[in-house]
Amino acid sequence: MRAAPVPEIMLEPAFNPNSSPNQDAGTSRDALGLGSAAAKGLDVRHGTILTLEDINVSFDGFKALNHLNLYIGVGELRCIIGPNGAGKTTMMDVITGKTRPDSGIAYFGETLDLTQMSEVEIAQSGIGRKFQKPTVFEALSVFENLELALKTDKSVWASLRAKLSGEQRDRIDAVLATIRLDNSRNRPAGLLSHGQKQFLEIGMLLVQEPQLLLLDEPVAGMTDAETEFTAELFKSLARKHSLMVVEHDMGFVGSIADHVTVLHQGSVLAEGSLAEVQADERVIEVYLGR
């Protein structure tokens, strides 16, 4: 069991190459370290930004996560797939502090124990989460939504009255260009299309400069053109950020994924390229069908 961080001591990773939790599932650290971006002060010297080991979560006797092991590399774009009830949402809840595991290890970098941090502390440490349904301030402009995201420690109106620094304004401008909403900066968010609201919410995460982005079914309800742009966007964000994308659209998954993890009954069933997991008989049986 990995010990809690000790001040001024850099911890070694909890992974033991001689152990075999869940047999062949969830231990593929050889797929990690794909980029070089890392949060200021975040220790990722072993190339791993997220470590989940032997995570167990039960709700009224139901095992939502069952000895789950997962490792995400710095700069990696990982897709998580699996049937409904496989544990995908619960896993993200554990990572963001919304749900405390019954047992197991959850580390951000080498030294930040997520099980000992609050949701706010986890968000401030560099983990951003986007839910399936976009949540933006519809009465405010696109620019104002991004401005608010910069100032999460203040009240709404105090934030709006505060004067932006040149660096902050430049950051918002860069994000507007990235999400292709620079021409809509003064438009009320409520007038955006569904896909544009999704992009705006991603932008609201990006202005906070997260190192790990958790994205839940980001292309649900999007047009083909919006889905295509989302794929381009995510691929451009990878290497600068680490991304975990939960998605059911296999075409979209195939267009973006470095690596695919299949969850089933709270555990990792299979990992590899999309072609590899699609050919796995276990995955075909429980999720993809014939």
Protein backbone atom coordinates (compact mmCIF):
# COMPACT_ATOMS: atom_id res chain seq x y z
CA MET A 1 0.00 0.00 0.00
CA ARG A 2 1.34 3.36 -0.96
CA ALA A 3 2.03 5.66 1.98
CA ALA A 4 0.73 9.20 2.30
CA PRO A 5 3.11 11.90 1.02
CA VAL A 6 5.79 13.07 3.44
CA PRO A 7 6.86 16.72 3.14
CA GLU A 8 10.11 17.23 1.17
CA ILE A 9 10.28 13.56 0.21
CA MET A 10 9.57 12.51 -3.37
CA LEU A 11 7.64 9.26 -3.45
CA GLU A 12 8.36 6.38 -5.78
CA PRO A 13 5.38 5.15 -7.82
CA ALA A 14 3.21 2.50 -6.23
CA PHE A 15 3.38 0.24 -9.27
CA ASN A 16 5.15 -3.06 -8.73
CA PRO A 17 6.22 -4.66 -12.02
CA ASN A 18 6.30 -8.10 -10.39
CA SER A 19 2.68 -7.94 -9.32
CA SER A 20 -0.28 -8.73 -11.59
CA PRO A 21 -3.46 -7.05 -10.33
CA ASN A 22 -6.44 -8.00 -12.46
CA GLN A 23 -4.06 -10.21 -14.46
CA ASP A 24 -3.58 -8.54 -17.87
CA ALA A 25 -5.86 -5.55 -17.31
CA GLY A 26 -5.14 -2.01 -16.18
CA THR A 27 -1.36 -2.21 -15.79
CA SER A 28 -0.11 -0.95 -19.16
CA ARG A 29 2.39 1.66 -18.00
CA ASP A 30 4.39 1.00 -21.17
CA ALA A 31 1.79 3.11 -23.00
CA LEU A 32 2.53 6.16 -20.87
CA GLY A 33 4.72 9.22 -21.03
CA LEU A 34 3.58 10.38 -24.46
CA GLY A 35 4.13 14.08 -23.86
CA SER A 36 6.16 16.46 -21.77
CA ALA A 37 3.58 18.87 -20.36
CA ALA A 38 3.20 18.89 -16.60
CA ALA A 39 1.67 21.19 -14.03
CA LYS A 40 3.95 23.61 -12.28
CA GLY A 41 5.06 21.81 -9.15
CA LEU A 42 3.45 18.52 -10.15
CA ASP A 43 5.86 15.61 -9.86
CA VAL A 44 5.49 13.43 -12.96
CA ARG A 45 9.09 12.29 -13.23
CA HIS A 46 8.01 8.71 -13.95
CA GLY A 47 5.76 9.80 -16.82
CA THR A 48 2.49 9.01 -15.07
CA ILE A 49 -0.03 11.74 -14.29
CA LEU A 50 -2.80 9.54 -12.83
CA THR A 51 -2.48 6.33 -10.85
CA LEU A 52 -5.47 4.26 -9.71
CA GLU A 53 -4.61 1.02 -7.93
CA ASP A 54 -6.96 -1.55 -6.41
CA ILE A 55 -9.83 0.96 -6.19
CA ASN A 56 -13.03 -0.41 -4.64
CA VAL A 57 -16.34 1.43 -4.32
CA SER A 58 -19.62 -0.09 -3.13
CA PHE A 59 -23.09 1.43 -2.93
CA ASP A 60 -25.54 -0.49 -0.73
CA GLY A 61 -23.81 -3.75 -1.52
CA PHE A 62 -23.39 -3.06 -5.24
CA LYS A 63 -19.74 -3.14 -6.33
CA ALA A 64 -19.42 -0.09 -8.58
CA LEU A 65 -15.63 -0.39 -8.80
CA ASN A 66 -13.93 -3.72 -8.23
CA HIS A 67 -10.14 -3.72 -7.76
CA LEU A 68 -9.78 -1.15 -10.52
CA ASN A 69 -6.27 -0.40 -11.81
CA LEU A 70 -5.61 2.39 -14.29
CA TYR A 71 -2.62 4.50 -15.28
CA ILE A 72 -2.70 7.62 -17.48
CA GLY A 73 0.50 9.03 -18.93
CA VAL A 74 1.60 12.62 -19.24
CA GLY A 75 0.23 14.01 -22.51
CA GLU A 76 -1.82 10.89 -23.23
CA LEU A 77 -5.26 10.86 -24.83
CA ARG A 78 -7.05 7.86 -23.31
CA CYS A 79 -10.55 6.75 -24.25
CA ILE A 80 -12.68 4.83 -21.76
CA ILE A 81 -15.47 2.67 -23.16
CA GLY A 82 -17.81 0.06 -21.73
CA PRO A 83 -21.47 -0.79 -21.17
CA ASN A 84 -23.75 1.26 -18.95
CA GLY A 85 -23.06 0.45 -15.31
CA ALA A 86 -19.44 -0.47 -16.01
CA GLY A 87 -18.17 2.08 -13.48
CA LYS A 88 -17.02 4.89 -15.80
CA THR A 89 -18.82 7.70 -13.95
CA THR A 90 -17.89 6.35 -10.53
CA MET A 91 -14.26 6.22 -11.59
CA MET A 92 -14.35 9.91 -12.57
CA ASP A 93 -16.14 10.69 -9.30
CA VAL A 94 -13.25 9.09 -7.41
CA ILE A 95 -10.67 11.05 -9.40
CA THR A 96 -12.42 14.36 -8.71
CA GLY A 97 -13.16 13.67 -5.04
CA LYS A 98 -16.92 13.42 -5.40
CA THR A 99 -16.82 9.80 -4.24
CA ARG A 100 -14.38 8.38 -1.70
CA PRO A 101 -13.22 4.84 -2.45
CA ASP A 102 -13.71 2.14 0.16
CA SER A 103 -10.10 1.15 -0.44
CA GLY A 104 -7.31 1.65 -2.93
CA ILE A 105 -4.84 4.26 -4.11
CA ALA A 106 -5.52 7.33 -6.27
CA TYR A 107 -2.62 9.65 -7.03
CA PHE A 108 -2.25 12.73 -9.24
CA GLY A 109 1.39 12.78 -10.21
CA GLU A 110 3.64 11.06 -7.72
CA THR A 111 2.75 12.90 -4.52
CA LEU A 112 -0.86 14.16 -4.54
CA ASP A 113 -3.15 11.67 -2.80
CA LEU A 114 -6.59 12.34 -4.28
CA THR A 115 -8.31 10.35 -1.54
CA GLN A 116 -7.13 12.91 1.01
CA MET A 117 -8.09 16.03 -0.97
CA SER A 118 -11.36 17.94 -1.28
CA GLU A 119 -13.09 18.48 -4.62
CA VAL A 120 -11.92 22.10 -4.65
CA GLU A 121 -8.32 21.14 -3.86
CA ILE A 122 -8.36 18.54 -6.64
CA ALA A 123 -9.69 21.06 -9.15
CA GLN A 124 -7.10 23.63 -8.08
CA SER A 125 -4.32 21.05 -8.40
CA GLY A 126 -4.94 20.73 -12.13
CA ILE A 127 -7.79 18.27 -12.80
CA GLY A 128 -10.75 19.56 -14.79
CA ARG A 129 -13.98 17.69 -15.46
CA LYS A 130 -16.62 18.25 -18.10
CA PHE A 131 -19.97 16.51 -17.70
CA GLN A 132 -22.10 15.26 -20.60
CA LYS A 133 -24.60 18.13 -20.40
CA PRO A 134 -22.94 21.52 -20.86
CA THR A 135 -23.30 23.89 -17.93
CA VAL A 136 -22.61 27.48 -18.92
CA PHE A 137 -23.97 30.84 -17.74
CA GLU A 138 -26.47 31.37 -20.54
CA ALA A 139 -27.27 35.02 -19.71
CA LEU A 140 -23.61 36.00 -19.88
CA SER A 141 -21.49 36.40 -22.98
CA VAL A 142 -18.99 33.81 -24.14
CA PHE A 143 -16.16 36.08 -22.99
CA GLU A 144 -17.75 36.62 -19.57
CA ASN A 145 -18.12 32.85 -19.09
CA LEU A 146 -14.40 32.43 -19.68
CA GLU A 147 -13.64 35.40 -17.44
CA LEU A 148 -15.61 33.83 -14.60
CA ALA A 149 -13.71 30.59 -15.00
CA LEU A 150 -10.49 32.51 -14.30
CA LYS A 151 -11.81 33.78 -10.96
CA THR A 152 -13.37 30.83 -9.19
CA ASP A 153 -12.37 32.16 -5.78
CA LYS A 154 -14.64 35.24 -6.05
CA SER A 155 -18.35 35.90 -6.30
CA VAL A 156 -19.86 36.21 -9.77
CA TRP A 157 -20.35 39.96 -9.81
CA ALA A 158 -17.11 40.74 -8.02
CA SER A 159 -15.33 38.70 -10.68
CA LEU A 160 -17.07 40.54 -13.50
CA ARG A 161 -16.16 43.93 -12.01
CA ALA A 162 -12.52 42.99 -11.50
CA LYS A 163 -10.09 44.22 -14.13
CA LEU A 164 -8.36 41.54 -16.15
CA SER A 165 -4.60 41.59 -16.43
CA GLY A 166 -3.05 41.57 -19.87
CA GLU A 167 -1.91 38.00 -19.34
CA GLN A 168 -5.42 36.87 -18.41
CA ARG A 169 -6.95 38.62 -21.41
CA ASP A 170 -4.36 37.02 -23.68
CA ARG A 171 -5.20 33.62 -22.20
CA ILE A 172 -8.91 34.09 -22.88
CA ASP A 173 -8.18 35.25 -26.42
CA ALA A 174 -6.03 32.18 -27.03
CA VAL A 175 -8.75 29.86 -25.70
CA LEU A 176 -11.41 31.59 -27.82
CA ALA A 177 -9.30 30.89 -30.88
CA THR A 178 -8.71 27.29 -29.82
CA ILE A 179 -12.43 26.55 -29.41
CA ARG A 180 -13.33 28.61 -32.50
CA LEU A 181 -15.59 31.03 -30.66
CA ASP A 182 -13.50 34.17 -31.13
CA ASN A 183 -16.15 35.62 -33.44
CA SER A 184 -18.84 34.92 -30.81
CA ARG A 185 -17.06 36.41 -27.81
CA ASN A 186 -19.82 38.94 -27.12
CA ARG A 187 -22.71 36.60 -27.90
CA PRO A 188 -24.88 35.39 -24.97
CA ALA A 189 -23.98 31.79 -24.24
CA GLY A 190 -27.67 30.86 -24.29
CA LEU A 191 -27.78 31.59 -28.03
CA LEU A 192 -25.00 29.14 -28.87
CA SER A 193 -25.71 25.78 -30.47
CA HIS A 194 -25.43 22.65 -28.33
CA GLY A 195 -22.01 21.91 -29.77
CA GLN A 196 -20.80 25.47 -29.23
CA LYS A 197 -21.88 25.28 -25.59
CA GLN A 198 -19.82 22.11 -25.28
CA PHE A 199 -16.82 23.94 -26.74
CA LEU A 200 -17.38 26.87 -24.39
CA GLU A 201 -17.42 24.61 -21.37
CA ILE A 202 -14.18 23.00 -22.54
CA GLY A 203 -12.79 26.51 -22.88
CA MET A 204 -13.87 27.29 -19.32
CA LEU A 205 -11.69 24.39 -18.22
CA LEU A 206 -8.77 25.38 -20.45
CA VAL A 207 -8.46 28.91 -19.05
CA GLN A 208 -7.74 27.28 -15.68
CA GLU A 209 -4.78 25.48 -17.30
CA PRO A 210 -5.60 21.95 -16.11
CA GLN A 211 -3.10 19.15 -16.62
CA LEU A 212 -5.71 16.37 -16.73
CA LEU A 213 -9.08 16.78 -18.47
CA LEU A 214 -11.94 14.35 -17.81
CA LEU A 215 -14.53 14.55 -20.60
CA ASP A 216 -17.83 12.66 -20.39
CA GLU A 217 -19.46 11.82 -23.75
CA PRO A 218 -18.34 15.11 -25.29
CA VAL A 219 -19.84 14.55 -28.76
CA ALA A 220 -23.32 13.41 -27.67
CA GLY A 221 -25.90 15.45 -29.60
CA MET A 222 -23.35 17.09 -31.87
CA THR A 223 -23.60 17.48 -35.63
CA ASP A 224 -21.10 15.63 -37.83
CA ALA A 225 -19.15 18.84 -38.39
CA GLU A 226 -19.03 19.59 -34.65
CA THR A 227 -17.91 16.02 -33.93
CA GLU A 228 -15.14 16.33 -36.51
CA PHE A 229 -13.94 19.59 -34.96
CA THR A 230 -14.05 18.04 -31.47
CA ALA A 231 -11.71 15.29 -32.69
CA GLU A 232 -9.33 17.92 -34.08
CA LEU A 233 -9.56 19.91 -30.85
CA PHE A 234 -8.79 16.96 -28.60
CA LYS A 235 -5.84 15.87 -30.69
CA SER A 236 -4.46 19.41 -30.53
CA LEU A 237 -4.86 19.46 -26.75
CA ALA A 238 -3.12 16.13 -26.23
CA ARG A 239 0.58 16.33 -25.38
CA LYS A 240 -0.09 19.77 -23.83
CA HIS A 241 -2.65 18.18 -21.51
CA SER A 242 -3.60 14.63 -20.57
CA LEU A 243 -7.14 13.69 -21.59
CA MET A 244 -9.49 10.97 -20.40
CA VAL A 245 -12.50 10.72 -22.71
CA VAL A 246 -15.53 8.57 -21.87
CA GLU A 247 -17.43 7.93 -25.09
CA HIS A 248 -19.77 5.43 -26.80
CA ASP A 249 -19.24 6.64 -30.37
CA MET A 250 -16.68 4.15 -31.69
CA GLY A 251 -16.04 6.19 -34.82
CA PHE A 252 -15.08 9.16 -32.69
CA VAL A 253 -12.99 6.98 -30.37
CA GLY A 254 -11.11 5.55 -33.32
CA SER A 255 -10.33 9.02 -34.63
CA ILE A 256 -8.69 10.31 -31.45
CA ALA A 257 -7.48 7.56 -29.11
CA ASP A 258 -3.86 6.78 -28.31
CA HIS A 259 -5.08 3.95 -26.12
CA VAL A 260 -8.47 2.49 -25.22
CA THR A 261 -9.54 1.02 -21.89
CA VAL A 262 -12.68 -1.13 -21.61
CA LEU A 263 -14.45 -1.20 -18.25
CA HIS A 264 -16.87 -3.94 -17.23
CA GLN A 265 -18.40 -4.57 -13.81
CA GLY A 266 -16.10 -2.04 -12.19
CA SER A 267 -12.83 -3.47 -13.49
CA VAL A 268 -10.61 -3.11 -16.53
CA LEU A 269 -11.61 -5.80 -19.00
CA ALA A 270 -9.18 -4.98 -21.79
CA GLU A 271 -6.72 -2.32 -22.96
CA GLY A 272 -4.94 -1.53 -26.19
CA SER A 273 -5.62 0.12 -29.51
CA LEU A 274 -9.23 0.32 -30.65
CA ALA A 275 -8.58 -2.45 -33.17
CA GLU A 276 -7.17 -4.66 -30.45
CA VAL A 277 -10.07 -4.22 -28.04
CA GLN A 278 -12.63 -4.57 -30.84
CA ALA A 279 -11.11 -7.95 -31.65
CA ASP A 280 -11.16 -9.12 -28.04
CA GLU A 281 -13.81 -11.82 -27.61
CA ARG A 282 -14.60 -10.67 -24.08
CA VAL A 283 -15.26 -7.11 -25.25
CA ILE A 284 -17.40 -8.34 -28.14
CA GLU A 285 -19.48 -10.43 -25.75
CA VAL A 286 -20.13 -7.82 -23.07
CA TYR A 287 -20.19 -4.58 -25.05
CA LEU A 288 -19.72 -4.45 -28.81
CA GLY A 289 -21.79 -7.44 -29.91
CA ARG A 290 -21.33 -9.19 -33.24
